[in-house]
Amino acid sequence: MITIAFDGYSSCGKSTMARQLAATIGYTFVDTGAMYRAVTLLALRNGLFSADGKVNEPQLRSLLDKAVITQRSNPQSGQTETFLNGENVEGEIRTMEVSDRVSIVAALPFVRTEMVRQQQAMGQNGGIVMDGRDIGTTVFPNAEMKIFVTATPEVRAQRRYLELKGKGEDVTLEEVLRNLEERDYIDSHREVSPLRQAPDAVVLDNTNLTREEQSAMLLALYKLRSENIGVRSKGSKE
């Protein structure tokens, strides 16, 4: 079994394609973005954001030391859901309120250190598909298969807008686009583990691709990577 790392910009659909690939090949899927969203929700629930958007770092560090963030597969829906201290918070972490602040929280060094520690522990034995912003560069730099997902900001904003409207949120397309552009900037310019393409990652621009086309491309790449690993392993024994 190999380790598969998905990185890329917000609302590119990387979690969906990573989840589908994991289900197809029988691997464990981990949505690391949801983990950072859970930390953001923890900060929101405890009133740790000031009026200018800054976070009370000492208090958040104290809360994070005691927090338990887990992910479980829902047997009915087949979806991975996020739990904060035993509570299912999957719906709450997908709101615009959390989206507006998650990049700020994710940029905090102590938050990233703890999340990376947990993520590396989850995938230490392989057989995992993990998506996020720094999986192929920081969490698993030696992953056998790395995908960097991108799409135009306009297409990403439209997808996210329709998703939020479908959940009953009162947002405008302009608000969603602004949020994505702000998150892109923060994610790409933060001091610790910034969003960037790993040199050995395959770029997947899904601006004009269907889900079926994406799935076919990813499955073909997985088979190729697995075969290559198998050939090298066989050769090392002979």
Protein backbone atom coordinates (compact mmCIF):
# COMPACT_ATOMS: atom_id res chain seq x y z
CA MET A 1 0.00 0.00 0.00
CA ILE A 2 1.16 3.51 -0.78
CA THR A 3 0.57 7.01 0.62
CA ILE A 4 -1.44 9.39 -1.55
CA ALA A 5 -1.24 13.16 -0.95
CA PHE A 6 -3.71 15.68 -2.36
CA ASP A 7 -2.89 19.39 -2.09
CA GLY A 8 -4.40 22.44 -3.72
CA TYR A 9 -6.55 25.52 -3.46
CA SER A 10 -9.87 25.92 -1.66
CA SER A 11 -13.01 24.59 -3.36
CA CYS A 12 -11.18 22.68 -6.07
CA GLY A 13 -13.08 19.54 -5.16
CA LYS A 14 -9.95 17.79 -3.91
CA SER A 15 -11.69 16.33 -0.85
CA THR A 16 -14.40 14.83 -3.05
CA MET A 17 -11.95 13.27 -5.50
CA ALA A 18 -9.65 12.08 -2.71
CA ARG A 19 -12.59 10.49 -0.89
CA GLN A 20 -13.80 8.77 -4.07
CA LEU A 21 -10.35 7.43 -4.87
CA ALA A 22 -9.95 6.10 -1.33
CA ALA A 23 -13.30 4.32 -1.54
CA THR A 24 -12.44 2.82 -4.93
CA ILE A 25 -9.07 1.39 -3.87
CA GLY A 26 -10.03 0.54 -0.28
CA TYR A 27 -7.79 3.09 1.45
CA THR A 28 -8.48 5.29 4.48
CA PHE A 29 -9.42 8.90 3.67
CA VAL A 30 -8.42 11.83 5.89
CA ASP A 31 -9.67 15.38 5.29
CA THR A 32 -7.04 17.52 7.03
CA GLY A 33 -8.84 20.74 6.13
CA ALA A 34 -11.71 19.58 8.32
CA MET A 35 -9.28 19.21 11.21
CA TYR A 36 -8.24 22.87 10.93
CA ARG A 37 -11.89 23.85 10.60
CA ALA A 38 -12.62 22.00 13.85
CA VAL A 39 -9.90 23.99 15.61
CA THR A 40 -11.42 27.18 14.16
CA LEU A 41 -14.84 26.17 15.46
CA LEU A 42 -13.29 25.56 18.87
CA ALA A 43 -11.94 29.12 18.84
CA LEU A 44 -15.28 30.56 17.71
CA ARG A 45 -17.28 28.72 20.35
CA ASN A 46 -15.00 30.07 23.05
CA GLY A 47 -15.01 33.66 21.80
CA LEU A 48 -11.31 33.75 21.03
CA PHE A 49 -11.48 36.10 18.03
CA SER A 50 -11.06 39.82 18.63
CA ALA A 51 -12.92 42.50 16.68
CA ASP A 52 -9.98 42.84 14.28
CA GLY A 53 -9.95 39.10 13.57
CA LYS A 54 -6.95 38.12 15.67
CA VAL A 55 -6.94 34.97 17.79
CA ASN A 56 -6.22 34.70 21.50
CA GLU A 57 -3.33 32.29 21.00
CA PRO A 58 -2.59 31.36 24.64
CA GLN A 59 -6.21 30.39 25.27
CA LEU A 60 -6.48 28.48 22.01
CA ARG A 61 -3.27 26.61 22.77
CA SER A 62 -4.68 25.63 26.17
CA LEU A 63 -7.96 24.44 24.64
CA LEU A 64 -6.20 22.56 21.85
CA ASP A 65 -4.07 20.65 24.36
CA LYS A 66 -7.28 19.13 25.74
CA ALA A 67 -9.28 18.84 22.50
CA VAL A 68 -9.89 15.57 20.70
CA ILE A 69 -10.45 15.83 16.93
CA THR A 70 -11.36 12.63 15.12
CA GLN A 71 -12.84 11.54 11.80
CA ARG A 72 -15.18 8.62 11.26
CA SER A 73 -16.87 7.13 8.24
CA ASN A 74 -20.67 7.32 8.32
CA PRO A 75 -21.89 3.81 7.33
CA GLN A 76 -25.17 5.20 5.97
CA SER A 77 -23.76 7.96 3.75
CA GLY A 78 -20.27 6.60 3.24
CA GLN A 79 -18.96 10.10 4.03
CA THR A 80 -16.17 10.96 6.44
CA GLU A 81 -17.44 13.13 9.30
CA THR A 82 -15.47 15.25 11.77
CA PHE A 83 -15.95 15.09 15.53
CA LEU A 84 -14.80 17.64 18.10
CA ASN A 85 -14.62 16.24 21.62
CA GLY A 86 -17.03 13.48 20.61
CA GLU A 87 -19.57 15.80 18.94
CA ASN A 88 -20.32 15.54 15.22
CA VAL A 89 -19.50 19.03 13.90
CA GLU A 90 -19.37 18.22 10.18
CA GLY A 91 -22.18 20.63 9.27
CA GLU A 92 -21.00 23.44 11.53
CA ILE A 93 -17.43 23.48 10.24
CA ARG A 94 -18.59 24.02 6.63
CA THR A 95 -20.25 27.39 7.27
CA MET A 96 -18.96 30.73 5.93
CA GLU A 97 -18.32 31.83 9.52
CA VAL A 98 -15.69 29.11 9.85
CA SER A 99 -14.43 29.58 6.27
CA ASP A 100 -13.77 33.27 6.95
CA ARG A 101 -11.37 32.41 9.80
CA VAL A 102 -9.89 28.98 9.11
CA SER A 103 -6.83 30.22 7.19
CA ILE A 104 -5.95 32.53 10.10
CA VAL A 105 -6.08 29.65 12.57
CA ALA A 106 -4.29 27.26 10.21
CA ALA A 107 -1.39 29.72 9.91
CA LEU A 108 -0.63 29.53 13.65
CA PRO A 109 2.61 27.51 14.12
CA PHE A 110 1.45 25.64 17.23
CA VAL A 111 -1.80 24.60 15.50
CA ARG A 112 0.06 23.30 12.45
CA THR A 113 2.60 21.45 14.59
CA GLU A 114 -0.13 19.58 16.46
CA MET A 115 -2.22 18.81 13.39
CA VAL A 116 0.81 17.57 11.41
CA ARG A 117 1.78 15.33 14.33
CA GLN A 118 -1.67 13.76 14.35
CA GLN A 119 -1.77 13.41 10.56
CA GLN A 120 1.62 11.70 10.38
CA ALA A 121 0.51 9.26 13.07
CA MET A 122 -2.62 8.44 11.05
CA GLY A 123 -0.67 7.62 7.90
CA GLN A 124 2.50 6.04 9.20
CA ASN A 125 1.62 2.62 7.77
CA GLY A 126 0.46 3.78 4.33
CA GLY A 127 -2.84 2.80 2.77
CA ILE A 128 -4.09 6.35 3.20
CA VAL A 129 -5.42 9.15 1.01
CA MET A 130 -4.97 12.53 2.70
CA ASP A 131 -5.91 15.94 1.37
CA GLY A 132 -4.98 19.43 2.51
CA ARG A 133 -2.53 22.24 1.81
CA ASP A 134 0.83 20.79 2.86
CA ILE A 135 0.44 17.02 2.65
CA GLY A 136 2.96 16.39 -0.13
CA THR A 137 5.43 19.00 1.12
CA THR A 138 5.35 18.74 4.93
CA VAL A 139 3.18 15.91 6.25
CA PHE A 140 4.28 13.20 3.79
CA PRO A 141 7.11 14.58 1.63
CA ASN A 142 7.97 11.00 0.60
CA ALA A 143 4.44 10.07 -0.48
CA GLU A 144 4.50 7.80 -3.51
CA MET A 145 1.66 9.66 -5.24
CA LYS A 146 1.15 13.42 -5.05
CA ILE A 147 -1.61 15.44 -6.72
CA PHE A 148 -1.81 19.23 -6.80
CA VAL A 149 -5.36 20.33 -7.63
CA THR A 150 -6.23 23.71 -9.09
CA ALA A 151 -8.99 25.52 -10.99
CA THR A 152 -9.77 29.13 -11.83
CA PRO A 153 -10.97 31.29 -8.89
CA GLU A 154 -14.24 32.04 -10.70
CA VAL A 155 -15.07 28.37 -11.20
CA ARG A 156 -14.13 27.53 -7.62
CA ALA A 157 -16.25 30.38 -6.26
CA GLN A 158 -19.26 29.28 -8.32
CA ARG A 159 -18.98 25.71 -7.02
CA ARG A 160 -18.67 26.86 -3.42
CA TYR A 161 -21.52 29.35 -3.81
CA LEU A 162 -23.90 26.67 -5.09
CA GLU A 163 -22.86 24.35 -2.27
CA LEU A 164 -23.54 26.99 0.40
CA LYS A 165 -26.86 28.06 -1.15
CA GLY A 166 -27.89 24.42 -1.22
CA LYS A 167 -27.34 24.33 2.54
CA GLY A 168 -29.52 27.40 3.01
CA GLU A 169 -26.75 29.94 3.70
CA ASP A 170 -27.43 33.56 2.78
CA VAL A 171 -24.31 34.46 0.78
CA THR A 172 -23.48 36.20 -2.49
CA LEU A 173 -21.14 34.98 -5.19
CA GLU A 174 -18.99 38.07 -4.62
CA GLU A 175 -18.60 37.22 -0.91
CA VAL A 176 -17.57 33.67 -1.72
CA LEU A 177 -15.02 34.80 -4.34
CA ARG A 178 -13.54 37.34 -1.90
CA ASN A 179 -13.27 34.65 0.78
CA LEU A 180 -11.50 32.25 -1.59
CA GLU A 181 -9.02 34.88 -2.76
CA GLU A 182 -8.22 35.87 0.84
CA ARG A 183 -7.73 32.24 1.83
CA ASP A 184 -5.53 31.60 -1.21
CA TYR A 185 -3.29 34.51 -0.22
CA ILE A 186 -3.02 33.56 3.45
CA ASP A 187 -2.46 29.87 2.66
CA SER A 188 0.27 30.68 0.11
CA HIS A 189 2.07 33.30 2.22
CA ARG A 190 1.98 31.91 5.75
CA GLU A 191 5.34 31.38 7.44
CA VAL A 192 4.84 27.71 8.37
CA SER A 193 4.09 25.09 5.67
CA PRO A 194 2.69 27.43 3.00
CA LEU A 195 0.55 26.06 0.21
CA ARG A 196 2.82 25.19 -2.71
CA GLN A 197 3.12 22.49 -5.32
CA ALA A 198 5.58 19.73 -4.48
CA PRO A 199 8.20 19.34 -7.26
CA ASP A 200 7.13 15.74 -7.89
CA ALA A 201 3.36 16.38 -7.76
CA VAL A 202 1.11 15.85 -10.77
CA VAL A 203 -0.97 18.96 -11.48
CA LEU A 204 -4.67 18.37 -12.02
CA ASP A 205 -6.52 21.43 -13.32
CA ASN A 206 -10.18 20.48 -13.10
CA THR A 207 -11.63 23.76 -14.37
CA ASN A 208 -13.18 21.95 -17.32
CA LEU A 209 -13.09 18.32 -16.20
CA THR A 210 -16.04 16.17 -15.19
CA ARG A 211 -15.90 14.04 -12.06
CA GLU A 212 -15.79 10.94 -14.24
CA GLU A 213 -12.76 12.26 -16.12
CA GLN A 214 -11.01 13.14 -12.86
CA SER A 215 -11.70 9.73 -11.36
CA ALA A 216 -10.37 7.93 -14.43
CA MET A 217 -7.16 9.99 -14.43
CA LEU A 218 -6.55 9.43 -10.72
CA LEU A 219 -7.21 5.70 -10.85
CA ALA A 220 -4.83 5.32 -13.80
CA LEU A 221 -2.13 7.24 -11.93
CA TYR A 222 -2.67 5.16 -8.79
CA LYS A 223 -2.26 1.93 -10.75
CA LEU A 224 0.91 3.26 -12.36
CA ARG A 225 2.43 4.36 -9.05
CA SER A 226 1.48 1.08 -7.35
CA GLU A 227 2.99 -0.95 -10.18
CA ASN A 228 6.20 1.06 -10.04
CA ILE A 229 6.48 0.54 -6.28
CA GLY A 230 5.87 -3.17 -6.77
CA VAL A 231 8.57 -3.42 -9.42
CA ARG A 232 11.11 -1.61 -7.23
CA SER A 233 10.24 -3.75 -4.21
CA LYS A 234 10.65 -6.93 -6.25
CA GLY A 235 13.94 -5.75 -7.64
CA SER A 236 15.33 -4.94 -4.19
CA LYS A 237 14.70 -8.54 -3.07
CA GLU A 238 16.43 -10.16 -5.99
